[in-house]
Amino acid sequence: MRILSRLFAAIAVVFCLGLASEASAIAVDVELQLLVDVSGSVDSTEFDLQRTGYANAIRSQAVIDSILDTSGGRIGAIAVQFVYWSGAGQQKIIKNAGGQEWTLINSQMSANSFGNWIAIQPGTFFGQTAVGEAIDFGAAQFAGNGYEGVRKVIDVSGDGATNDGYGIEGPAASTSAARDAALGSGIDAINGLVILNEEPNVDLFYLANVIGGSGSFLEQVNSFADFEQAVQVKLVREITTPEPALSLLLGLSALLLVARGRRA
């Protein structure tokens, strides 16, 4: 009996520690990770357009309004992580001005500050393209990050298919395996933004091997010159996508309205 009592006591302590850990996490609508391609196919001009596109999109009023929206029970805050990636083993978290790997955005000031910081970050690797390793690296960054999001979303932008990284069955297989593992670990959605100037069919690669999860989607542009507007549209969509249960409820409500209209 004494052994059982100690066992139950230990289980109770672990349970309470888990509750305390969850309680200490900051609640946000979305934990959003931005995985940004800086491989060799992205030249310096394209890198500048990409970096500026992210910075301006984050500072745009449309994105800020979507973050701060508290309608429908929303919290009005997100947590963001910005990561440069390239070839195998080449990923770098861009820490914010305070040295943190994740940034809380819950005001116009914090959005502008983060955008300003991103706008001055230099490029990093300029190597091959290992999309699967980027996803695998990114998925591991959510655990213990200090935030508890209603949704956890990985956002991958790039202009090429995987040509580097692990996987004995080929680059595509390793990329889809990384996607599936990330979704299995608790990531709700992996979205993408592809630039078609280098590989016209890279969108097909992303659709088959990168995109996945509830409410996931792919945006595409023809060149980096169109990148900023696409990023803004994508961020708004990612921030405002409701929980699956809410989406189902809204869908059922719409069907009921249609049915009532037909009866009328």
Protein backbone atom coordinates (compact mmCIF):
# COMPACT_ATOMS: atom_id res chain seq x y z
CA MET A 1 0.00 0.00 0.00
CA ARG A 2 2.83 2.36 0.85
CA ILE A 3 4.38 1.80 -2.60
CA LEU A 4 1.04 2.49 -4.30
CA SER A 5 0.59 5.64 -2.23
CA ARG A 6 3.99 6.90 -3.29
CA LEU A 7 3.25 6.05 -6.92
CA PHE A 8 -0.04 7.97 -6.87
CA ALA A 9 1.67 10.88 -5.13
CA ALA A 10 4.38 10.97 -7.81
CA ILE A 11 1.74 10.89 -10.57
CA ALA A 12 -0.11 13.74 -8.87
CA VAL A 13 3.08 15.84 -8.70
CA VAL A 14 3.83 15.28 -12.39
CA PHE A 15 0.23 16.16 -13.30
CA CYS A 16 0.37 19.36 -11.22
CA LEU A 17 3.71 20.33 -12.75
CA GLY A 18 2.16 19.86 -16.19
CA LEU A 19 -0.76 22.10 -15.28
CA ALA A 20 1.62 24.72 -13.90
CA SER A 21 3.69 24.62 -17.07
CA GLU A 22 0.59 25.10 -19.23
CA ALA A 23 -0.64 27.90 -16.98
CA SER A 24 2.69 29.75 -17.30
CA ALA A 25 2.58 29.69 -21.11
CA ILE A 26 1.29 32.84 -22.81
CA ALA A 27 -1.98 32.24 -24.66
CA VAL A 28 -2.02 33.36 -28.31
CA ASP A 29 -4.25 32.76 -31.30
CA VAL A 30 -1.43 31.32 -33.44
CA GLU A 31 2.12 30.12 -32.92
CA LEU A 32 3.41 31.00 -36.40
CA GLN A 33 6.80 29.93 -37.68
CA LEU A 34 8.15 31.54 -40.86
CA LEU A 35 10.69 29.32 -42.68
CA VAL A 36 12.45 31.52 -45.24
CA ASP A 37 14.49 30.10 -48.15
CA VAL A 38 17.98 31.65 -48.47
CA SER A 39 19.48 28.96 -50.73
CA GLY A 40 21.79 29.60 -53.66
CA SER A 41 18.93 30.13 -56.11
CA VAL A 42 17.98 33.28 -54.17
CA ASP A 43 20.37 36.02 -55.30
CA SER A 44 21.06 39.19 -53.31
CA THR A 45 18.38 41.25 -55.07
CA GLU A 46 15.78 38.52 -54.55
CA PHE A 47 16.83 38.12 -50.93
CA ASP A 48 16.32 41.86 -50.35
CA LEU A 49 12.86 41.68 -51.94
CA GLN A 50 11.97 38.65 -49.81
CA ARG A 51 13.24 40.15 -46.55
CA THR A 52 11.59 43.50 -47.25
CA GLY A 53 8.39 41.69 -48.22
CA TYR A 54 8.18 39.96 -44.86
CA ALA A 55 9.07 43.12 -42.92
CA ASN A 56 6.51 45.28 -44.72
CA ALA A 57 3.80 42.63 -44.56
CA ILE A 58 4.21 42.25 -40.79
CA ARG A 59 4.01 46.05 -40.43
CA SER A 60 1.03 46.37 -42.76
CA GLN A 61 -2.28 47.53 -41.31
CA ALA A 62 -4.10 44.53 -42.73
CA VAL A 63 -1.86 42.09 -40.86
CA ILE A 64 -1.85 44.15 -37.66
CA ASP A 65 -5.65 44.38 -37.71
CA SER A 66 -5.93 40.61 -38.15
CA ILE A 67 -3.55 40.03 -35.21
CA LEU A 68 -5.37 42.42 -32.87
CA ASP A 69 -8.87 41.24 -33.78
CA THR A 70 -10.62 39.96 -30.64
CA SER A 71 -13.99 39.14 -32.18
CA GLY A 72 -15.45 35.67 -31.74
CA GLY A 73 -13.42 34.94 -28.64
CA ARG A 74 -10.03 35.58 -30.25
CA ILE A 75 -7.13 36.55 -27.97
CA GLY A 76 -5.69 39.31 -30.16
CA ALA A 77 -2.07 38.12 -30.06
CA ILE A 78 0.28 35.79 -31.94
CA ALA A 79 3.77 34.38 -31.37
CA VAL A 80 6.15 34.43 -34.35
CA GLN A 81 9.48 32.78 -35.10
CA PHE A 82 11.61 33.71 -38.12
CA VAL A 83 14.01 31.08 -39.51
CA TYR A 84 16.42 31.17 -42.46
CA TRP A 85 17.04 27.79 -44.12
CA SER A 86 18.99 26.35 -47.02
CA GLY A 87 20.75 22.99 -47.45
CA ALA A 88 21.32 20.06 -45.13
CA GLY A 89 22.06 21.22 -41.59
CA GLN A 90 21.68 24.88 -42.60
CA GLN A 91 18.96 26.50 -40.51
CA LYS A 92 19.27 29.63 -38.40
CA ILE A 93 16.70 31.12 -36.02
CA ILE A 94 16.69 34.90 -36.29
CA LYS A 95 16.35 35.96 -32.66
CA ASN A 96 14.56 39.22 -31.91
CA ALA A 97 16.21 42.36 -30.54
CA GLY A 98 15.81 41.00 -27.02
CA GLY A 99 17.55 37.73 -27.88
CA GLN A 100 14.39 35.58 -27.79
CA GLU A 101 13.68 32.96 -30.43
CA TRP A 102 9.92 33.62 -30.41
CA THR A 103 8.32 37.07 -30.47
CA LEU A 104 4.97 38.06 -28.99
CA ILE A 105 3.01 40.43 -31.23
CA ASN A 106 0.01 41.90 -29.42
CA SER A 107 0.09 45.57 -30.45
CA GLN A 108 0.88 47.80 -33.39
CA MET A 109 4.14 48.76 -31.69
CA SER A 110 5.29 45.16 -31.27
CA ALA A 111 4.38 44.37 -34.89
CA ASN A 112 6.32 47.39 -36.16
CA SER A 113 9.29 46.59 -33.94
CA PHE A 114 9.48 43.01 -35.20
CA GLY A 115 9.11 44.13 -38.82
CA ASN A 116 11.85 46.71 -38.34
CA TRP A 117 14.12 44.04 -36.88
CA ILE A 118 13.51 41.58 -39.71
CA ALA A 119 14.24 44.30 -42.27
CA ILE A 120 17.89 44.58 -41.20
CA GLN A 121 18.78 40.89 -40.79
CA PRO A 122 21.51 39.71 -43.19
CA GLY A 123 21.34 36.56 -45.28
CA THR A 124 23.04 33.43 -44.06
CA PHE A 125 23.72 30.25 -46.08
CA PHE A 126 23.17 30.42 -49.85
CA GLY A 127 23.57 26.64 -50.27
CA GLN A 128 21.37 23.82 -51.57
CA THR A 129 17.65 23.33 -50.88
CA ALA A 130 16.60 20.95 -48.09
CA VAL A 131 12.92 21.66 -47.48
CA GLY A 132 12.41 18.48 -45.45
CA GLU A 133 15.21 19.29 -43.02
CA ALA A 134 13.85 22.82 -42.64
CA ILE A 135 10.44 21.44 -41.65
CA ASP A 136 12.01 18.88 -39.33
CA PHE A 137 14.11 21.58 -37.66
CA GLY A 138 11.17 23.94 -37.44
CA ALA A 139 8.73 21.49 -35.89
CA ALA A 140 11.12 20.89 -32.99
CA GLN A 141 11.09 24.59 -32.05
CA PHE A 142 7.49 24.67 -30.79
CA ALA A 143 7.97 22.52 -27.68
CA GLY A 144 8.58 24.60 -24.57
CA ASN A 145 8.60 27.90 -26.43
CA GLY A 146 6.60 29.66 -23.69
CA TYR A 147 3.43 30.07 -25.75
CA GLU A 148 0.20 28.12 -26.06
CA GLY A 149 -1.49 28.80 -29.38
CA VAL A 150 -4.98 27.86 -30.44
CA ARG A 151 -3.20 26.81 -33.64
CA LYS A 152 0.40 25.91 -34.46
CA VAL A 153 1.37 26.76 -38.04
CA ILE A 154 4.55 26.37 -40.08
CA ASP A 155 4.87 28.66 -43.09
CA VAL A 156 7.45 27.67 -45.74
CA SER A 157 8.51 30.04 -48.53
CA GLY A 158 10.88 29.04 -51.32
CA ASP A 159 11.63 28.95 -55.03
CA GLY A 160 12.82 25.36 -55.46
CA ALA A 161 12.15 21.70 -54.75
CA THR A 162 14.32 19.69 -52.37
CA ASN A 163 17.72 18.73 -53.81
CA ASP A 164 19.56 18.09 -50.57
CA GLY A 165 19.04 16.46 -47.18
CA TYR A 166 18.43 13.11 -45.57
CA GLY A 167 16.27 10.25 -46.79
CA ILE A 168 17.28 6.99 -48.51
CA GLU A 169 14.19 7.10 -50.72
CA GLY A 170 15.06 10.39 -52.35
CA PRO A 171 14.57 14.09 -51.52
CA ALA A 172 10.82 14.14 -52.17
CA ALA A 173 10.23 11.19 -49.85
CA SER A 174 12.26 12.83 -47.08
CA THR A 175 10.30 16.06 -47.47
CA SER A 176 6.89 14.39 -47.25
CA ALA A 177 8.10 12.31 -44.31
CA ALA A 178 9.17 15.47 -42.49
CA ARG A 179 5.78 17.04 -43.21
CA ASP A 180 3.93 14.00 -41.88
CA ALA A 181 6.12 13.85 -38.77
CA ALA A 182 5.53 17.54 -38.05
CA LEU A 183 1.77 17.15 -38.34
CA GLY A 184 1.95 14.06 -36.16
CA SER A 185 3.83 16.01 -33.49
CA GLY A 186 0.98 18.50 -33.04
CA ILE A 187 1.52 21.08 -35.78
CA ASP A 188 -1.94 21.99 -37.09
CA ALA A 189 -0.97 23.15 -40.58
CA ILE A 190 1.98 23.61 -42.90
CA ASN A 191 1.39 26.29 -45.54
CA GLY A 192 3.57 27.43 -48.42
CA LEU A 193 4.46 30.36 -50.62
CA VAL A 194 6.34 29.47 -53.79
CA ILE A 195 8.11 31.74 -56.25
CA LEU A 196 7.97 30.29 -59.76
CA ASN A 197 10.86 32.18 -61.38
CA GLU A 198 13.42 29.34 -60.99
CA GLU A 199 11.31 26.17 -61.20
CA PRO A 200 7.90 26.54 -62.88
CA ASN A 201 6.64 23.30 -61.30
CA VAL A 202 7.80 23.93 -57.74
CA ASP A 203 4.16 24.50 -56.79
CA LEU A 204 3.40 20.88 -57.64
CA PHE A 205 6.28 19.73 -55.44
CA TYR A 206 4.99 21.80 -52.51
CA LEU A 207 1.43 20.57 -52.96
CA ALA A 208 2.57 16.93 -52.98
CA ASN A 209 5.25 17.05 -50.29
CA VAL A 210 5.04 20.19 -48.13
CA ILE A 211 1.46 21.36 -47.65
CA GLY A 212 -0.65 19.55 -45.08
CA GLY A 213 -2.92 19.77 -42.06
CA SER A 214 -6.18 21.48 -41.18
CA GLY A 215 -6.89 24.54 -43.32
CA SER A 216 -3.51 24.34 -45.09
CA PHE A 217 -2.98 26.16 -48.37
CA LEU A 218 -0.40 27.26 -50.96
CA GLU A 219 0.16 30.76 -52.34
CA GLN A 220 2.25 31.31 -55.45
CA VAL A 221 3.82 34.26 -57.27
CA ASN A 222 5.73 34.51 -60.52
CA SER A 223 8.64 36.54 -59.14
CA PHE A 224 10.09 38.02 -55.96
CA ALA A 225 8.75 41.41 -57.13
CA ASP A 226 5.26 40.12 -56.28
CA PHE A 227 6.36 38.61 -52.97
CA GLU A 228 5.29 41.32 -50.52
CA GLN A 229 1.61 41.36 -51.43
CA ALA A 230 1.45 37.58 -51.40
CA VAL A 231 3.05 37.43 -47.94
CA GLN A 232 0.53 39.94 -46.61
CA VAL A 233 -2.40 37.92 -47.98
CA LYS A 234 -0.92 34.71 -46.61
CA LEU A 235 -0.26 36.09 -43.12
CA VAL A 236 -3.80 37.44 -42.81
CA ARG A 237 -5.18 34.08 -43.87
CA GLU A 238 -2.97 32.17 -41.43
CA ILE A 239 -3.77 34.45 -38.52
CA THR A 240 -7.53 34.45 -39.06
CA THR A 241 -8.07 30.75 -39.93
CA PRO A 242 -10.46 29.46 -37.23
CA GLU A 243 -10.11 26.25 -35.26
CA PRO A 244 -11.42 23.15 -37.09
CA ALA A 245 -14.36 22.83 -34.68
CA LEU A 246 -15.32 26.45 -35.31
CA SER A 247 -14.92 25.97 -39.06
CA LEU A 248 -17.28 23.00 -38.88
CA LEU A 249 -19.79 25.00 -36.87
CA LEU A 250 -19.67 27.89 -39.34
CA GLY A 251 -20.08 25.43 -42.22
CA LEU A 252 -23.11 23.81 -40.62
CA SER A 253 -24.60 27.24 -39.96
CA ALA A 254 -24.15 28.15 -43.61
CA LEU A 255 -25.83 24.93 -44.73
CA LEU A 256 -28.78 25.58 -42.40
CA LEU A 257 -29.18 29.08 -43.82
CA VAL A 258 -29.16 27.70 -47.36
CA ALA A 259 -31.71 25.04 -46.43
CA ARG A 260 -33.97 27.62 -44.80
CA GLY A 261 -33.68 29.82 -47.86
CA ARG A 262 -34.72 26.99 -50.14
CA ARG A 263 -37.74 26.20 -47.97
CA ALA A 264 -38.76 29.82 -48.04
